[in-house]
PDB file of N, CA and C in Angstrom:
ATOM      1  N   UNK A   1       0.869  -1.262   0.046  1.00  0.00           N
ATOM      2  CA  UNK A   1      -0.028  -0.011   0.141  1.00  0.00           C
ATOM      3  C   UNK A   1       0.821   1.307   0.034  1.00  0.00           C
ATOM      4  N   UNK A   2       2.094   1.201   0.575  1.00  0.00           N
ATOM      5  CA  UNK A   2       3.020   2.097   0.723  1.00  0.00           C
ATOM      6  C   UNK A   2       3.130   2.688  -0.710  1.00  0.00           C
ATOM      7  N   UNK A   3       3.362   1.862  -1.728  1.00  0.00           N
ATOM      8  CA  UNK A   3       3.739   2.335  -3.306  1.00  0.00           C
ATOM      9  C   UNK A   3       2.782   3.037  -3.847  1.00  0.00           C
ATOM     10  N   UNK A   4       1.461   2.712  -3.412  1.00  0.00           N
ATOM     11  CA  UNK A   4       0.487   3.323  -4.314  1.00  0.00           C
ATOM     12  C   UNK A   4      -0.416   4.261  -3.718  1.00  0.00           C
ATOM     13  N   UNK A   5       0.016   4.617  -2.185  1.00  0.00           N
ATOM     14  CA  UNK A   5      -0.576   5.613  -1.672  1.00  0.00           C
ATOM     15  C   UNK A   5      -0.024   7.047  -2.003  1.00  0.00           C
ATOM     16  N   UNK A   6       0.961   7.206  -2.765  1.00  0.00           N
ATOM     17  CA  UNK A   6       1.690   8.469  -2.971  1.00  0.00           C
ATOM     18  C   UNK A   6       1.764   8.233  -4.831  1.00  0.00           C
ATOM     19  N   UNK A   7       2.241   9.252  -5.442  1.00  0.00           N
ATOM     20  CA  UNK A   7       2.393   9.248  -6.942  1.00  0.00           C
ATOM     21  C   UNK A   7       3.887   8.004  -6.815  1.00  0.00           C
ATOM     22  N   UNK A   8       3.503   7.302  -8.006  1.00  0.00           N
ATOM     23  CA  UNK A   8       4.599   6.204  -8.267  1.00  0.00           C
ATOM     24  C   UNK A   8       5.470   7.013  -9.075  1.00  0.00           C
ATOM     25  N   UNK A   9       6.768   7.086  -8.690  1.00  0.00           N
ATOM     26  CA  UNK A   9       7.865   7.775  -9.272  1.00  0.00           C
ATOM     27  C   UNK A   9       8.858   6.797  -9.411  1.00  0.00           C
ATOM     28  N   UNK A  10       9.859   6.683 -10.245  1.00  0.00           N
ATOM     29  CA  UNK A  10      11.155   5.776 -10.366  1.00  0.00           C
ATOM     30  C   UNK A  10      11.809   5.758  -9.045  1.00  0.00           C
ATOM     31  N   UNK A  11      11.837   6.627  -8.197  1.00  0.00           N
ATOM     32  CA  UNK A  11      12.648   6.555  -6.942  1.00  0.00           C
ATOM     33  C   UNK A  11      11.553   5.887  -6.102  1.00  0.00           C
ATOM     34  N   UNK A  12      10.211   5.974  -5.988  1.00  0.00           N
ATOM     35  CA  UNK A  12       9.622   5.188  -5.156  1.00  0.00           C
ATOM     36  C   UNK A  12       9.392   3.824  -5.533  1.00  0.00           C
ATOM     37  N   UNK A  13       9.475   3.408  -6.976  1.00  0.00           N
ATOM     38  CA  UNK A  13       9.445   2.174  -7.312  1.00  0.00           C
ATOM     39  C   UNK A  13      10.870   1.542  -6.996  1.00  0.00           C
ATOM     40  N   UNK A  14      11.815   1.906  -7.242  1.00  0.00           N
ATOM     41  CA  UNK A  14      13.139   1.449  -6.766  1.00  0.00           C
ATOM     42  C   UNK A  14      13.241   1.270  -5.240  1.00  0.00           C
ATOM     43  N   UNK A  15      12.727   2.287  -4.295  1.00  0.00           N
ATOM     44  CA  UNK A  15      12.905   2.117  -2.943  1.00  0.00           C
ATOM     45  C   UNK A  15      11.967   0.808  -2.545  1.00  0.00           C
ATOM     46  N   UNK A  16      10.807   0.793  -3.183  1.00  0.00           N
ATOM     47  CA  UNK A  16       9.789  -0.400  -2.855  1.00  0.00           C
ATOM     48  C   UNK A  16      10.373  -1.701  -3.073  1.00  0.00           C
ATOM     49  N   UNK A  17      11.049  -1.677  -4.272  1.00  0.00           N
ATOM     50  CA  UNK A  17      11.843  -2.913  -4.720  1.00  0.00           C
ATOM     51  C   UNK A  17      12.913  -3.179  -3.758  1.00  0.00           C
ATOM     52  N   UNK A  18      13.583  -1.959  -3.340  1.00  0.00           N
ATOM     53  CA  UNK A  18      14.720  -2.520  -2.263  1.00  0.00           C
ATOM     54  C   UNK A  18      14.143  -2.977  -0.946  1.00  0.00           C
ATOM     55  N   UNK A  19      13.070  -2.199  -0.403  1.00  0.00           N
ATOM     56  CA  UNK A  19      12.458  -2.865   0.731  1.00  0.00           C
ATOM     57  C   UNK A  19      11.921  -4.248   0.642  1.00  0.00           C
ATOM     58  N   UNK A  20      11.213  -4.601  -0.536  1.00  0.00           N
ATOM     59  CA  UNK A  20      10.924  -5.901  -0.827  1.00  0.00           C
ATOM     60  C   UNK A  20      12.260  -6.895  -0.562  1.00  0.00           C
ATOM     61  N   UNK A  21      13.236  -6.686  -1.430  1.00  0.00           N
ATOM     62  CA  UNK A  21      14.252  -7.489  -1.637  1.00  0.00           C
ATOM     63  C   UNK A  21      14.953  -7.438  -0.167  1.00  0.00           C
ATOM     64  N   UNK A  22      14.863  -6.497   0.838  1.00  0.00           N
ATOM     65  CA  UNK A  22      15.363  -6.777   2.227  1.00  0.00           C
ATOM     66  C   UNK A  22      14.580  -7.509   2.931  1.00  0.00           C
ATOM     67  N   UNK A  23      13.458  -7.631   2.938  1.00  0.00           N
ATOM     68  CA  UNK A  23      12.348  -8.431   3.744  1.00  0.00           C
ATOM     69  C   UNK A  23      12.821  -9.756   3.052  1.00  0.00           C
ATOM     70  N   UNK A  24      12.813 -10.017   1.846  1.00  0.00           N
ATOM     71  CA  UNK A  24      13.453 -11.403   1.423  1.00  0.00           C
ATOM     72  C   UNK A  24      14.788 -11.966   1.861  1.00  0.00           C
ATOM     73  N   UNK A  25      15.464 -10.862   1.993  1.00  0.00           N
ATOM     74  CA  UNK A  25      16.892 -11.202   2.379  1.00  0.00           C
ATOM     75  C   UNK A  25      16.764 -11.762   3.784  1.00  0.00           C
ATOM     76  N   UNK A  26      15.924 -11.157   4.573  1.00  0.00           N
ATOM     77  CA  UNK A  26      15.930 -11.469   6.124  1.00  0.00           C
ATOM     78  C   UNK A  26      15.353 -12.724   6.246  1.00  0.00           C
ATOM     79  N   UNK A  27      14.329 -13.078   5.572  1.00  0.00           N
ATOM     80  CA  UNK A  27      13.705 -14.351   5.421  1.00  0.00           C
ATOM     81  C   UNK A  27      14.343 -15.560   4.929  1.00  0.00           C
ATOM     82  N   UNK A  28      15.448 -15.321   3.928  1.00  0.00           N
ATOM     83  CA  UNK A  28      16.330 -16.083   3.546  1.00  0.00           C
ATOM     84  C   UNK A  28      17.339 -16.434   4.699  1.00  0.00           C
ATOM     85  N   UNK A  29      17.710 -15.201   5.425  1.00  0.00           N
ATOM     86  CA  UNK A  29      18.701 -15.956   6.553  1.00  0.00           C
ATOM     87  C   UNK A  29      17.993 -16.835   7.435  1.00  0.00           C
ATOM     88  N   UNK A  30      16.693 -16.270   7.787  1.00  0.00           N
ATOM     89  CA  UNK A  30      16.225 -17.418   8.666  1.00  0.00           C
ATOM     90  C   UNK A  30      15.830 -18.779   8.457  1.00  0.00           C
ATOM     91  N   UNK A  31      15.789 -18.757   6.885  1.00  0.00           N
ATOM     92  CA  UNK A  31      15.678 -20.216   6.333  1.00  0.00           C
ATOM     93  C   UNK A  31      17.223 -20.658   5.994  1.00  0.00           C
ATOM     94  N   UNK A  32      18.246 -20.021   6.299  1.00  0.00           N
ATOM     95  CA  UNK A  32      19.668 -20.486   6.157  1.00  0.00           C
ATOM     96  C   UNK A  32      19.854 -20.812   4.669  1.00  0.00           C
ATOM     97  N   UNK A  33      19.584 -19.882   3.920  1.00  0.00           N
ATOM     98  CA  UNK A  33      19.747 -19.900   2.423  1.00  0.00           C
ATOM     99  C   UNK A  33      20.810 -18.836   2.221  1.00  0.00           C
ATOM    100  N   UNK A  34      21.646 -18.957   1.496  1.00  0.00           N
ATOM    101  CA  UNK A  34      22.918 -18.328   1.208  1.00  0.00           C
ATOM    102  C   UNK A  34      22.443 -17.228   0.034  1.00  0.00           C
ATOM    103  N   UNK A  35      21.532 -17.254  -0.629  1.00  0.00           N
ATOM    104  CA  UNK A  35      20.800 -16.449  -1.595  1.00  0.00           C
ATOM    105  C   UNK A  35      20.673 -15.129  -0.734  1.00  0.00           C
ATOM    106  N   UNK A  36      20.657 -14.872   0.346  1.00  0.00           N
ATOM    107  CA  UNK A  36      20.397 -13.816   0.992  1.00  0.00           C
ATOM    108  C   UNK A  36      21.582 -12.648   0.831  1.00  0.00           C
ATOM    109  N   UNK A  37      22.893 -13.334   0.485  1.00  0.00           N
ATOM    110  CA  UNK A  37      24.023 -12.416   0.031  1.00  0.00           C
ATOM    111  C   UNK A  37      23.707 -11.641  -1.489  1.00  0.00           C
ATOM    112  N   UNK A  38      22.910 -12.404  -2.159  1.00  0.00           N
ATOM    113  CA  UNK A  38      22.330 -11.709  -3.560  1.00  0.00           C
ATOM    114  C   UNK A  38      21.398 -10.664  -2.981  1.00  0.00           C
ATOM    115  N   UNK A  39      20.385 -11.163  -2.359  1.00  0.00           N
ATOM    116  CA  UNK A  39      19.378 -10.270  -2.003  1.00  0.00           C
ATOM    117  C   UNK A  39      19.771  -8.997  -1.343  1.00  0.00           C
ATOM    118  N   UNK A  40      20.564  -9.185  -0.312  1.00  0.00           N
ATOM    119  CA  UNK A  40      21.091  -8.104   0.378  1.00  0.00           C
ATOM    120  C   UNK A  40      21.941  -7.070  -0.434  1.00  0.00           C
ATOM    121  N   UNK A  41      22.652  -7.500  -1.413  1.00  0.00           N
ATOM    122  CA  UNK A  41      23.295  -6.661  -2.387  1.00  0.00           C
ATOM    123  C   UNK A  41      22.375  -5.838  -3.376  1.00  0.00           C
ATOM    124  N   UNK A  42      21.415  -6.531  -3.935  1.00  0.00           N
ATOM    125  CA  UNK A  42      20.426  -6.054  -4.619  1.00  0.00           C
ATOM    126  C   UNK A  42      19.840  -4.855  -3.963  1.00  0.00           C
ATOM    127  N   UNK A  43      19.254  -5.226  -2.598  1.00  0.00           N
ATOM    128  CA  UNK A  43      18.432  -4.424  -1.709  1.00  0.00           C
ATOM    129  C   UNK A  43      19.561  -2.975  -1.582  1.00  0.00           C
ATOM    130  N   UNK A  44      20.645  -3.228  -1.355  1.00  0.00           N
ATOM    131  CA  UNK A  44      21.475  -2.182  -0.994  1.00  0.00           C
ATOM    132  C   UNK A  44      22.076  -1.289  -2.198  1.00  0.00           C
ATOM    133  N   UNK A  45      21.707  -1.833  -3.271  1.00  0.00           N
ATOM    134  CA  UNK A  45      22.122  -1.000  -4.499  1.00  0.00           C
ATOM    135  C   UNK A  45      20.703  -0.222  -4.607  1.00  0.00           C
ATOM    136  N   UNK A  46      19.655  -0.531  -4.393  1.00  0.00           N
ATOM    137  CA  UNK A  46      18.318   0.310  -4.393  1.00  0.00           C
ATOM    138  C   UNK A  46      18.273   1.362  -3.578  1.00  0.00           C
ATOM    139  N   UNK A  47      18.893   0.878  -2.273  1.00  0.00           N
ATOM    140  CA  UNK A  47      19.012   1.961  -1.141  1.00  0.00           C
ATOM    141  C   UNK A  47      20.026   3.131  -1.402  1.00  0.00           C
ATOM    142  N   UNK A  48      21.018   2.583  -2.048  1.00  0.00           N
ATOM    143  CA  UNK A  48      22.260   3.466  -2.474  1.00  0.00           C
ATOM    144  C   UNK A  48      21.659   4.510  -3.415  1.00  0.00           C
ATOM    145  N   UNK A  49      20.859   4.094  -4.380  1.00  0.00           N
ATOM    146  CA  UNK A  49      20.289   5.176  -5.355  1.00  0.00           C
ATOM    147  C   UNK A  49      19.443   5.911  -4.586  1.00  0.00           C
ATOM    148  N   UNK A  50      18.526   5.444  -3.833  1.00  0.00           N
ATOM    149  CA  UNK A  50      17.573   6.529  -2.905  1.00  0.00           C
ATOM    150  C   UNK A  50      18.763   7.488  -2.016  1.00  0.00           C
ATOM    151  N   UNK A  51      19.554   6.897  -1.585  1.00  0.00           N
ATOM    152  CA  UNK A  51      20.487   7.705  -0.644  1.00  0.00           C
ATOM    153  C   UNK A  51      21.262   8.879  -1.546  1.00  0.00           C
ATOM    154  N   UNK A  52      21.591   8.294  -2.751  1.00  0.00           N
ATOM    155  CA  UNK A  52      22.223   9.309  -3.723  1.00  0.00           C
ATOM    156  C   UNK A  52      21.227  10.459  -4.115  1.00  0.00           C
ATOM    157  N   UNK A  53      19.984   9.967  -4.389  1.00  0.00           N
ATOM    158  CA  UNK A  53      18.968  10.943  -4.762  1.00  0.00           C
ATOM    159  C   UNK A  53      18.672  11.949  -3.768  1.00  0.00           C
ATOM    160  N   UNK A  54      18.731  11.392  -2.480  1.00  0.00           N
ATOM    161  CA  UNK A  54      18.365  12.356  -1.569  1.00  0.00           C
ATOM    162  C   UNK A  54      19.543  12.904  -0.790  1.00  0.00           C
ATOM    163  N   UNK A  55      20.616  12.911  -1.496  1.00  0.00           N
ATOM    164  CA  UNK A  55      21.857  13.519  -0.923  1.00  0.00           C
ATOM    165  C   UNK A  55      22.268  12.929   0.462  1.00  0.00           C
ATOM    166  N   UNK A  56      21.660  11.699   0.894  1.00  0.00           N
ATOM    167  CA  UNK A  56      21.927  11.102   2.242  1.00  0.00           C
ATOM    168  C   UNK A  56      23.240  10.237   1.875  1.00  0.00           C
ATOM    169  N   UNK A  57      24.434  10.808   2.082  1.00  0.00           N
ATOM    170  CA  UNK A  57      25.691  10.116   1.824  1.00  0.00           C
ATOM    171  C   UNK A  57      26.176   9.002   3.068  1.00  0.00           C
ATOM    172  N   UNK A  58      25.455   9.376   4.216  1.00  0.00           N
ATOM    173  CA  UNK A  58      25.721   8.545   5.228  1.00  0.00           C
ATOM    174  C   UNK A  58      25.005   7.184   5.113  1.00  0.00           C
ATOM    175  N   UNK A  59      23.704   7.285   4.431  1.00  0.00           N
ATOM    176  CA  UNK A  59      22.936   5.977   4.020  1.00  0.00           C
ATOM    177  C   UNK A  59      23.497   5.355   3.382  1.00  0.00           C
ATOM    178  N   UNK A  60      24.269   5.844   2.258  1.00  0.00           N
ATOM    179  CA  UNK A  60      24.851   5.156   1.067  1.00  0.00           C
ATOM    180  C   UNK A  60      26.123   4.491   1.704  1.00  0.00           C
ATOM    181  N   UNK A  61      26.958   4.990   2.713  1.00  0.00           N
ATOM    182  CA  UNK A  61      28.075   4.525   3.225  1.00  0.00           C
ATOM    183  C   UNK A  61      27.621   3.255   4.122  1.00  0.00           C
ATOM    184  N   UNK A  62      26.458   3.476   4.998  1.00  0.00           N
ATOM    185  CA  UNK A  62      26.084   2.315   5.512  1.00  0.00           C
ATOM    186  C   UNK A  62      25.398   1.041   4.766  1.00  0.00           C
ATOM    187  N   UNK A  63      25.061   1.279   3.502  1.00  0.00           N
ATOM    188  CA  UNK A  63      24.642   0.206   2.585  1.00  0.00           C
ATOM    189  C   UNK A  63      25.772  -0.328   2.142  1.00  0.00           C
ATOM    190  N   UNK A  64      26.954   0.282   2.030  1.00  0.00           N
ATOM    191  CA  UNK A  64      28.420  -0.265   1.349  1.00  0.00           C
ATOM    192  C   UNK A  64      28.919  -1.158   2.487  1.00  0.00           C
ATOM    193  N   UNK A  65      28.847  -0.564   3.645  1.00  0.00           N
ATOM    194  CA  UNK A  65      29.307  -1.232   4.901  1.00  0.00           C
ATOM    195  C   UNK A  65      28.419  -2.579   4.945  1.00  0.00           C
ATOM    196  N   UNK A  66      27.450  -2.643   4.813  1.00  0.00           N
ATOM    197  CA  UNK A  66      26.523  -3.843   4.892  1.00  0.00           C
ATOM    198  C   UNK A  66      27.106  -4.795   3.635  1.00  0.00           C
ATOM    199  N   UNK A  67      27.286  -4.225   2.630  1.00  0.00           N
ATOM    200  CA  UNK A  67      27.657  -5.170   1.588  1.00  0.00           C
ATOM    201  C   UNK A  67      28.956  -5.802   1.857  1.00  0.00           C
ATOM    202  N   UNK A  68      29.903  -4.977   2.414  1.00  0.00           N
ATOM    203  CA  UNK A  68      31.307  -5.232   2.711  1.00  0.00           C
ATOM    204  C   UNK A  68      31.468  -6.228   3.756  1.00  0.00           C
ATOM    205  N   UNK A  69      30.583  -6.338   4.928  1.00  0.00           N
ATOM    206  CA  UNK A  69      30.701  -6.880   6.000  1.00  0.00           C
ATOM    207  C   UNK A  69      29.735  -8.059   6.173  1.00  0.00           C
ATOM    208  N   UNK A  70      28.431  -7.979   5.408  1.00  0.00           N
ATOM    209  CA  UNK A  70      27.634  -9.063   5.496  1.00  0.00           C
ATOM    210  C   UNK A  70      27.531  -9.971   4.259  1.00  0.00           C
ATOM    211  N   UNK A  71      27.291  -9.144   2.993  1.00  0.00           N
ATOM    212  CA  UNK A  71      26.826  -9.807   1.881  1.00  0.00           C
ATOM    213  C   UNK A  71      27.854 -10.493   1.089  1.00  0.00           C
ATOM    214  N   UNK A  72      29.062  -9.684   0.970  1.00  0.00           N
ATOM    215  CA  UNK A  72      30.252 -10.362   0.386  1.00  0.00           C
ATOM    216  C   UNK A  72      30.846 -11.677   1.258  1.00  0.00           C
ATOM    217  N   UNK A  73      30.966 -11.602   2.488  1.00  0.00           N
ATOM    218  CA  UNK A  73      31.530 -12.583   3.177  1.00  0.00           C
ATOM    219  C   UNK A  73      30.565 -13.828   2.929  1.00  0.00           C
ATOM    220  N   UNK A  74      29.353 -13.708   2.729  1.00  0.00           N
ATOM    221  CA  UNK A  74      28.304 -14.834   2.536  1.00  0.00           C
ATOM    222  C   UNK A  74      28.600 -15.337   1.069  1.00  0.00           C
ATOM    223  N   UNK A  75      28.650 -14.561   0.370  1.00  0.00           N
ATOM    224  CA  UNK A  75      28.843 -14.906  -1.145  1.00  0.00           C
ATOM    225  C   UNK A  75      30.153 -15.664  -1.376  1.00  0.00           C
ATOM    226  N   UNK A  76      31.337 -15.167  -0.549  1.00  0.00           N
ATOM    227  CA  UNK A  76      32.771 -15.943  -0.900  1.00  0.00           C
ATOM    228  C   UNK A  76      32.754 -17.045   0.016  1.00  0.00           C
ATOM    229  N   UNK A  77      31.721 -17.365   0.938  1.00  0.00           N
ATOM    230  CA  UNK A  77      31.874 -18.645   1.427  1.00  0.00           C
ATOM    231  C   UNK A  77      30.461 -19.518   1.690  1.00  0.00           C
ATOM    232  N   UNK A  78      29.868 -19.454   0.408  1.00  0.00           N
ATOM    233  CA  UNK A  78      28.543 -19.969   0.286  1.00  0.00           C
ATOM    234  C   UNK A  78      28.494 -21.374   0.950  1.00  0.00           C
ATOM    235  N   UNK A  79      29.081 -22.523   0.778  1.00  0.00           N
ATOM    236  CA  UNK A  79      29.203 -23.612   1.324  1.00  0.00           C
ATOM    237  C   UNK A  79      29.365 -23.753   2.741  1.00  0.00           C
ATOM    238  N   UNK A  80      30.395 -23.162   3.029  1.00  0.00           N
ATOM    239  CA  UNK A  80      30.612 -23.168   4.673  1.00  0.00           C
ATOM    240  C   UNK A  80      29.560 -22.460   5.476  1.00  0.00           C
ATOM    241  N   UNK A  81      29.169 -21.185   4.901  1.00  0.00           N
ATOM    242  CA  UNK A  81      28.048 -20.500   5.503  1.00  0.00           C
ATOM    243  C   UNK A  81      26.688 -21.347   5.769  1.00  0.00           C
ATOM    244  N   UNK A  82      26.413 -21.821   4.491  1.00  0.00           N
ATOM    245  CA  UNK A  82      25.106 -22.760   4.717  1.00  0.00           C
ATOM    246  C   UNK A  82      25.225 -23.761   6.100  1.00  0.00           C
ATOM    247  N   UNK A  83      26.237 -24.631   5.556  1.00  0.00           N
ATOM    248  CA  UNK A  83      26.688 -25.781   6.734  1.00  0.00           C
ATOM    249  C   UNK A  83      26.696 -24.829   8.131  1.00  0.00           C
ATOM    250  N   UNK A  84      27.281 -24.237   8.441  1.00  0.00           N
ATOM    251  CA  UNK A  84      27.405 -23.624   9.834  1.00  0.00           C
ATOM    252  C   UNK A  84      25.890 -23.008  10.156  1.00  0.00           C
ATOM    253  N   UNK A  85      25.427 -22.308   9.169  1.00  0.00           N
ATOM    254  CA  UNK A  85      24.243 -21.810   9.677  1.00  0.00           C
ATOM    255  C   UNK A  85      23.202 -22.676  10.087  1.00  0.00           C
ATOM    256  N   UNK A  86      23.088 -23.587   9.332  1.00  0.00           N
ATOM    257  CA  UNK A  86      21.839 -24.748   9.443  1.00  0.00           C
ATOM    258  C   UNK A  86      21.984 -25.271  10.644  1.00  0.00           C
ATOM    259  N   UNK A  87      23.293 -25.491  11.318  1.00  0.00           N
ATOM    260  CA  UNK A  87      23.450 -26.072  12.464  1.00  0.00           C
ATOM    261  C   UNK A  87      23.473 -25.274  13.820  1.00  0.00           C
ATOM    262  N   UNK A  88      23.497 -23.873  13.357  1.00  0.00           N
ATOM    263  CA  UNK A  88      23.542 -23.147  14.505  1.00  0.00           C
ATOM    264  C   UNK A  88      22.370 -22.036  14.589  1.00  0.00           C
ATOM    265  N   UNK A  89      21.288 -22.416  13.921  1.00  0.00           N
ATOM    266  CA  UNK A  89      20.068 -21.383  13.899  1.00  0.00           C
ATOM    267  C   UNK A  89      19.360 -21.688  15.167  1.00  0.00           C
ATOM    268  N   UNK A  90      19.152 -20.730  15.990  1.00  0.00           N
ATOM    269  CA  UNK A  90      18.349 -20.885  17.305  1.00  0.00           C
ATOM    270  C   UNK A  90      16.807 -20.625  17.129  1.00  0.00           C
ATOM    271  N   UNK A  91      15.993 -21.467  17.641  1.00  0.00           N
ATOM    272  CA  UNK A  91      14.395 -21.170  17.565  1.00  0.00           C
ATOM    273  C   UNK A  91      14.120 -20.370  18.620  1.00  0.00           C
ATOM    274  N   UNK A  92      13.200 -19.632  18.432  1.00  0.00           N
ATOM    275  CA  UNK A  92      12.231 -18.968  19.434  1.00  0.00           C
ATOM    276  C   UNK A  92      11.343 -19.941  20.173  1.00  0.00           C
ATOM    277  N   UNK A  93      11.264 -19.704  21.619  1.00  0.00           N
ATOM    278  CA  UNK A  93      10.246 -20.565  22.323  1.00  0.00           C
ATOM    279  C   UNK A  93      10.287 -20.064  23.542  1.00  0.00           C
ATOM    280  N   UNK A  94       9.506 -20.712  24.322  1.00  0.00           N
ATOM    281  CA  UNK A  94       9.186 -20.311  25.772  1.00  0.00           C
ATOM    282  C   UNK A  94      10.186 -21.098  26.543  1.00  0.00           C
ATOM    283  N   UNK A  95      10.755 -20.493  27.514  1.00  0.00           N
ATOM    284  CA  UNK A  95      11.755 -21.190  28.485  1.00  0.00           C
ATOM    285  C   UNK A  95      11.013 -21.578  29.785  1.00  0.00           C
ATOM    286  N   UNK A  96      11.532 -22.527  30.331  1.00  0.00           N
ATOM    287  CA  UNK A  96      11.067 -23.072  31.446  1.00  0.00           C
ATOM    288  C   UNK A  96      11.798 -22.671  32.583  1.00  0.00           C
ATOM    289  N   UNK A  97      12.741 -21.784  32.404  1.00  0.00           N
ATOM    290  CA  UNK A  97      13.418 -21.112  33.473  1.00  0.00           C
ATOM    291  C   UNK A  97      13.143 -19.886  33.905  1.00  0.00           C
TER     292      UNK A  97
END
């Protein structure tokens, strides 16, 4: 609804795509899928464009930091990331303590 409640501009559309890719990235992390690296990079590119348009350079730097520290390491070690993550995911639940 956020996309259609205001005029649809190229910036609004790219920001919407970036947000959607960001949500998919988070879902793929919880599903232990290394595709989250690609989704994170694509989402960051959309937000870098939005930051550039708004002259929000700190936001652009933040997205570049996410790419360098989160997405690229996952893409460079896909097999070991998947194996390690699948065995170390913690489930949310009620504690008896």
